[in-house]
Each structure stands twice: as C-alpha cells, then as structure tokens.
Amino acid sequence: MKYYLNVLNTGKYCFFVTPILMIILFTLLKLGKINSSTEVPIWISTLIDWRYSSESFFLVLFIGAVFCILVSLLINTQPIPSREKNRIGKFYNLLANFISNLILFWAGLFAAWSIFSPFIEFVNPIDRQEFFAIALIISAIIVNYTIIRLKHIVIKG
C-alpha cells in the first residue's frame, strides 16, 4: 500500500495540471473575461495541442518501450560488472516515474473533464470519462510496478 501511495504522491503535480487549468478557465468564464469565441495566442494553442494530443502520449510510451528494450538487451548481452549494472538500472526508475506521471497527467485530464464538462458549455463530455480517470490511475501504479520489477529481473538475472 505504501508503494502505491508513493507512486500517486510523486505524480500528484502531473495529475493536477489539467484540473487547475480547468478551474482557471471556469473562473474566467464566470467573471466574463473570456467566452467560447475568445482568441488564444498561437504559441499557447500550439503548446496545448502538443501536450494534449494522443499522438504525443503514444509516442512517449513507444520511445520509453524502445529504450527499455535496448537497455535490457545491453545489460543481458554485454559483460558488465554488477556495480555498473546497478547504475544503468537507475534508468528503469527514471522511466517508471516518467511514464507513470504521464499516465497520471491523462488521468487528471479525464477527472477534470468529468467535473467541469457539465458547467462549461463548450467542453463536451467524453464517453465513460470517469471510468478512464480511475482506470488510468490504476494503470499508472501497475506500469510503475511492472517496470521496477523488470529492472530487478534484468539486473539480478
């Protein structure tokens, strides 16, 4: 249980990015500062499009999987001292935290979307958004645990 809470604790900032942005949007809408036809500067819309695109999400997952396979092959095929294996193994910790934080970011997106879509007229609800938020939180924990287990299997043989 402590491990699961640690994963959620390290990813809490990633999880709360979208809810904070939605709170700001909701507040500005209620104050009348913006509406659905407000123009957004191109650099902001480019940043938002890049961060919230499913292609960038899957690209990061694919690159992480490729690096994980390459590091596993390197450790298993090359004669590396155990001390150096442990240093290389820290890559798995970095990858596990990075990917679980990415998944928690998307869980925060679905959570914020499910909370604020009834109140903001131009934010359309997504089918089963509450289910996806919970499923992604569970997936983040499972992915983190799996990558760390893979590290132990690869390093210890």
Protein backbone atom coordinates (compact mmCIF):
# COMPACT_ATOMS: atom_id res chain seq x y z
CA MET A 1 0.00 0.00 0.00
CA LYS A 2 2.85 2.35 0.82
CA TYR A 3 4.32 1.77 -2.65
CA TYR A 4 1.04 2.71 -4.33
CA LEU A 5 0.73 5.89 -2.29
CA ASN A 6 4.32 6.78 -3.17
CA VAL A 7 3.56 6.44 -6.89
CA LEU A 8 0.49 8.65 -6.50
CA ASN A 9 2.41 11.14 -4.38
CA THR A 10 5.18 11.56 -6.96
CA GLY A 11 2.60 12.05 -9.73
CA LYS A 12 0.23 14.40 -7.94
CA TYR A 13 1.60 17.50 -9.67
CA CYS A 14 1.13 15.92 -13.09
CA PHE A 15 -2.38 14.84 -12.12
CA PHE A 16 -3.45 18.32 -11.02
CA VAL A 17 -2.23 20.27 -14.09
CA THR A 18 -5.47 19.97 -16.05
CA PRO A 19 -7.82 20.45 -13.07
CA ILE A 20 -6.00 23.69 -12.22
CA LEU A 21 -6.28 24.86 -15.84
CA MET A 22 -9.99 24.00 -15.82
CA ILE A 23 -10.51 25.92 -12.57
CA ILE A 24 -8.82 28.95 -14.15
CA LEU A 25 -10.98 28.58 -17.27
CA PHE A 26 -14.16 28.21 -15.22
CA THR A 27 -13.29 31.23 -13.08
CA LEU A 28 -12.52 33.41 -16.10
CA LEU A 29 -15.76 32.33 -17.75
CA LYS A 30 -17.80 33.20 -14.65
CA LEU A 31 -16.06 36.58 -14.37
CA GLY A 32 -16.87 37.30 -18.01
CA LYS A 33 -13.24 37.78 -19.02
CA ILE A 34 -13.41 35.11 -21.74
CA ASN A 35 -16.04 33.20 -23.70
CA SER A 36 -16.13 30.41 -26.26
CA SER A 37 -15.05 32.75 -29.09
CA THR A 38 -12.00 34.20 -27.30
CA GLU A 39 -8.86 34.08 -29.43
CA VAL A 40 -5.89 32.26 -27.91
CA PRO A 41 -2.34 33.26 -28.93
CA ILE A 42 -0.81 30.80 -31.39
CA TRP A 43 2.06 29.81 -29.09
CA ILE A 44 -0.37 28.88 -26.30
CA SER A 45 -2.58 26.86 -28.64
CA THR A 46 0.46 25.08 -30.09
CA LEU A 47 1.66 24.17 -26.59
CA ILE A 48 -1.79 22.95 -25.58
CA ASP A 49 -2.21 20.96 -28.81
CA TRP A 50 1.18 19.31 -28.32
CA ARG A 51 0.63 18.47 -24.65
CA TYR A 52 -2.93 17.23 -25.02
CA SER A 53 -2.57 15.21 -28.22
CA SER A 54 -2.91 11.46 -28.08
CA GLU A 55 -0.10 11.14 -30.64
CA SER A 56 2.43 12.68 -28.26
CA PHE A 57 1.18 10.41 -25.46
CA PHE A 58 1.64 7.25 -27.51
CA LEU A 59 4.94 8.48 -28.96
CA VAL A 60 6.38 8.87 -25.47
CA LEU A 61 5.12 5.41 -24.50
CA PHE A 62 6.66 3.91 -27.65
CA ILE A 63 10.01 5.64 -27.11
CA GLY A 64 10.02 4.52 -23.47
CA ALA A 65 9.37 0.91 -24.51
CA VAL A 66 12.15 1.03 -27.12
CA PHE A 67 14.65 2.41 -24.62
CA CYS A 68 13.58 -0.17 -22.05
CA ILE A 69 14.20 -2.98 -24.55
CA LEU A 70 17.55 -1.52 -25.60
CA VAL A 71 18.77 -1.18 -22.01
CA SER A 72 17.61 -4.72 -21.21
CA LEU A 73 19.47 -6.05 -24.25
CA LEU A 74 22.57 -4.08 -23.30
CA ILE A 75 22.61 -5.47 -19.77
CA ASN A 76 21.92 -9.05 -20.87
CA THR A 77 24.33 -9.24 -23.83
CA GLN A 78 27.36 -7.29 -22.60
CA PRO A 79 29.72 -8.34 -19.81
CA ILE A 80 29.01 -5.52 -17.37
CA PRO A 81 30.11 -5.54 -13.72
CA SER A 82 27.25 -5.64 -11.22
CA ARG A 83 28.10 -2.17 -9.90
CA GLU A 84 27.69 -0.73 -13.39
CA LYS A 85 24.50 -2.75 -13.89
CA ASN A 86 23.07 -1.07 -10.82
CA ARG A 87 23.94 2.35 -12.22
CA ILE A 88 22.37 1.53 -15.57
CA GLY A 89 19.38 0.11 -13.69
CA LYS A 90 18.56 3.60 -12.40
CA PHE A 91 17.30 4.23 -15.92
CA TYR A 92 14.36 1.94 -15.13
CA ASN A 93 13.46 4.07 -12.09
CA LEU A 94 13.51 7.21 -14.24
CA LEU A 95 11.45 5.57 -16.96
CA ALA A 96 8.92 4.13 -14.50
CA ASN A 97 8.37 7.52 -12.84
CA PHE A 98 8.21 9.36 -16.16
CA ILE A 99 5.65 7.04 -17.74
CA SER A 100 3.50 6.77 -14.61
CA ASN A 101 3.50 10.58 -14.31
CA LEU A 102 2.45 10.82 -17.96
CA ILE A 103 -0.42 8.39 -17.33
CA LEU A 104 -1.42 10.32 -14.19
CA PHE A 105 -1.44 13.52 -16.27
CA TRP A 106 -4.03 11.93 -18.54
CA ALA A 107 -5.98 10.65 -15.54
CA GLY A 108 -6.13 14.25 -14.32
CA LEU A 109 -7.38 15.30 -17.75
CA PHE A 110 -10.29 12.86 -17.62
CA ALA A 111 -11.05 13.74 -13.99
CA ALA A 112 -11.11 17.47 -14.72
CA TRP A 113 -13.14 16.90 -17.86
CA SER A 114 -15.74 14.89 -15.95
CA ILE A 115 -16.00 17.52 -13.22
CA PHE A 116 -16.16 20.63 -15.40
CA SER A 117 -17.90 19.44 -18.58
CA PRO A 118 -21.40 19.98 -17.11
CA PHE A 119 -20.54 23.58 -16.17
CA ILE A 120 -18.66 24.79 -19.26
CA GLU A 121 -20.85 24.83 -22.35
CA PHE A 122 -18.11 24.32 -24.95
CA VAL A 123 -16.41 21.46 -23.07
CA ASN A 124 -18.21 18.41 -24.40
CA PRO A 125 -18.32 15.33 -22.16
CA ILE A 126 -16.34 12.26 -23.21
CA ASP A 127 -17.97 8.84 -23.05
CA ARG A 128 -17.01 6.97 -19.83
CA GLN A 129 -14.64 9.77 -18.72
CA GLU A 130 -14.96 8.87 -15.04
CA PHE A 131 -14.06 5.25 -15.79
CA PHE A 132 -11.00 6.35 -17.76
CA ALA A 133 -9.78 8.56 -14.92
CA ILE A 134 -9.92 5.68 -12.44
CA ALA A 135 -8.52 3.16 -14.94
CA LEU A 136 -5.57 5.42 -15.74
CA ILE A 137 -4.73 5.90 -12.05
CA ILE A 138 -4.68 2.13 -11.60
CA SER A 139 -2.67 1.77 -14.84
CA ALA A 140 -0.05 4.25 -13.62
CA ILE A 141 0.52 2.17 -10.49
CA ILE A 142 0.68 -1.08 -12.47
CA VAL A 143 3.07 0.32 -15.08
CA ASN A 144 5.40 1.73 -12.43
CA TYR A 145 5.44 -1.56 -10.54
CA THR A 146 5.99 -3.59 -13.72
CA ILE A 147 8.94 -1.53 -14.89
CA ILE A 148 10.58 -1.70 -11.46
CA ARG A 149 10.02 -5.48 -11.40
CA LEU A 150 11.59 -5.69 -14.86
CA LYS A 151 14.60 -3.81 -13.51
CA HIS A 152 15.04 -6.32 -10.70
CA ILE A 153 14.69 -9.25 -13.08
CA VAL A 154 17.18 -7.83 -15.59
CA ILE A 155 19.77 -6.67 -13.05
CA LYS A 156 19.71 -9.75 -10.84
CA GLY A 157 19.37 -12.19 -13.72
